[in-house]
Structure formats: structure tokens, C-alpha cells
């Protein structure tokens, strides 16, 4: 029983970390695209 609870907690922890990392990388990518676009606009 205790092992099952620990395993479920570890699974939730991995899922939450994966979601946070994915969200952070998505925000970084959007920010990269935005700054890229600004640099192109300022060149013209």
C-alpha cells in the first residue's frame, strides 16, 4: 500500500515537472519568436 502511494506521488511529480518544463520552454520559444520579429522589423 505505501509503495503504491509513493509511486503515485512520484508519477504526479514527474507529470507536474514535465508540464512546468514544457510551459517554460513554450514561453521561451514564443519570446524568441517575438524578439526575432522585432529585430527583423527594425532592420527594414
C-alpha atoms as a PDB file:
ATOM      1  CA  UNK A   1       0.000   0.000   0.000  1.00  0.00           C
ATOM      2  CA  UNK A   2       2.698   2.501   0.995  1.00  0.00           C
ATOM      3  CA  UNK A   3       4.768   1.669  -2.078  1.00  0.00           C
ATOM      4  CA  UNK A   4       1.748   2.303  -4.319  1.00  0.00           C
ATOM      5  CA  UNK A   5       1.166   5.722  -2.719  1.00  0.00           C
ATOM      6  CA  UNK A   6       4.826   6.668  -3.186  1.00  0.00           C
ATOM      7  CA  UNK A   7       4.718   5.517  -6.814  1.00  0.00           C
ATOM      8  CA  UNK A   8       1.591   7.604  -7.496  1.00  0.00           C
ATOM      9  CA  UNK A   9       3.217  10.621  -5.863  1.00  0.00           C
ATOM     10  CA  UNK A  10       6.333  10.158  -7.992  1.00  0.00           C
ATOM     11  CA  UNK A  11       4.204   9.881 -11.145  1.00  0.00           C
ATOM     12  CA  UNK A  12       2.345  13.095 -10.295  1.00  0.00           C
ATOM     13  CA  UNK A  13       5.658  14.808  -9.542  1.00  0.00           C
ATOM     14  CA  UNK A  14       7.087  13.759 -12.926  1.00  0.00           C
ATOM     15  CA  UNK A  15       3.908  14.892 -14.721  1.00  0.00           C
ATOM     16  CA  UNK A  16       3.902  18.281 -12.966  1.00  0.00           C
ATOM     17  CA  UNK A  17       7.608  18.827 -13.673  1.00  0.00           C
ATOM     18  CA  UNK A  18       7.100  17.877 -17.326  1.00  0.00           C
ATOM     19  CA  UNK A  19       4.184  20.318 -17.653  1.00  0.00           C
ATOM     20  CA  UNK A  20       6.149  23.140 -15.997  1.00  0.00           C
ATOM     21  CA  UNK A  21       9.220  22.495 -18.174  1.00  0.00           C
ATOM     22  CA  UNK A  22       7.078  22.306 -21.306  1.00  0.00           C
ATOM     23  CA  UNK A  23       5.284  25.528 -20.398  1.00  0.00           C
ATOM     24  CA  UNK A  24       8.576  27.310 -19.675  1.00  0.00           C
ATOM     25  CA  UNK A  25      10.118  26.163 -22.941  1.00  0.00           C
ATOM     26  CA  UNK A  26       6.985  27.203 -24.851  1.00  0.00           C
ATOM     27  CA  UNK A  27       7.130  30.671 -23.279  1.00  0.00           C
ATOM     28  CA  UNK A  28      10.812  30.909 -24.128  1.00  0.00           C
ATOM     29  CA  UNK A  29      10.109  29.894 -27.718  1.00  0.00           C
ATOM     30  CA  UNK A  30       7.309  32.463 -28.065  1.00  0.00           C
ATOM     31  CA  UNK A  31       9.597  35.117 -26.601  1.00  0.00           C
ATOM     32  CA  UNK A  32      12.334  34.080 -29.053  1.00  0.00           C
ATOM     33  CA  UNK A  33       9.932  34.391 -31.993  1.00  0.00           C
ATOM     34  CA  UNK A  34       8.742  37.782 -30.743  1.00  0.00           C
ATOM     35  CA  UNK A  35      12.272  39.183 -30.364  1.00  0.00           C
ATOM     36  CA  UNK A  36      13.213  37.709 -33.738  1.00  0.00           C
ATOM     37  CA  UNK A  37      10.288  39.503 -35.355  1.00  0.00           C
ATOM     38  CA  UNK A  38      11.181  42.809 -33.641  1.00  0.00           C
ATOM     39  CA  UNK A  39      14.775  42.565 -34.921  1.00  0.00           C
ATOM     40  CA  UNK A  40      13.531  41.946 -38.476  1.00  0.00           C
ATOM     41  CA  UNK A  41      11.136  44.905 -38.246  1.00  0.00           C
ATOM     42  CA  UNK A  42      13.872  47.207 -37.018  1.00  0.00           C
ATOM     43  CA  UNK A  43      16.169  46.182 -39.899  1.00  0.00           C
ATOM     44  CA  UNK A  44      13.715  47.435 -42.537  1.00  0.00           C
END
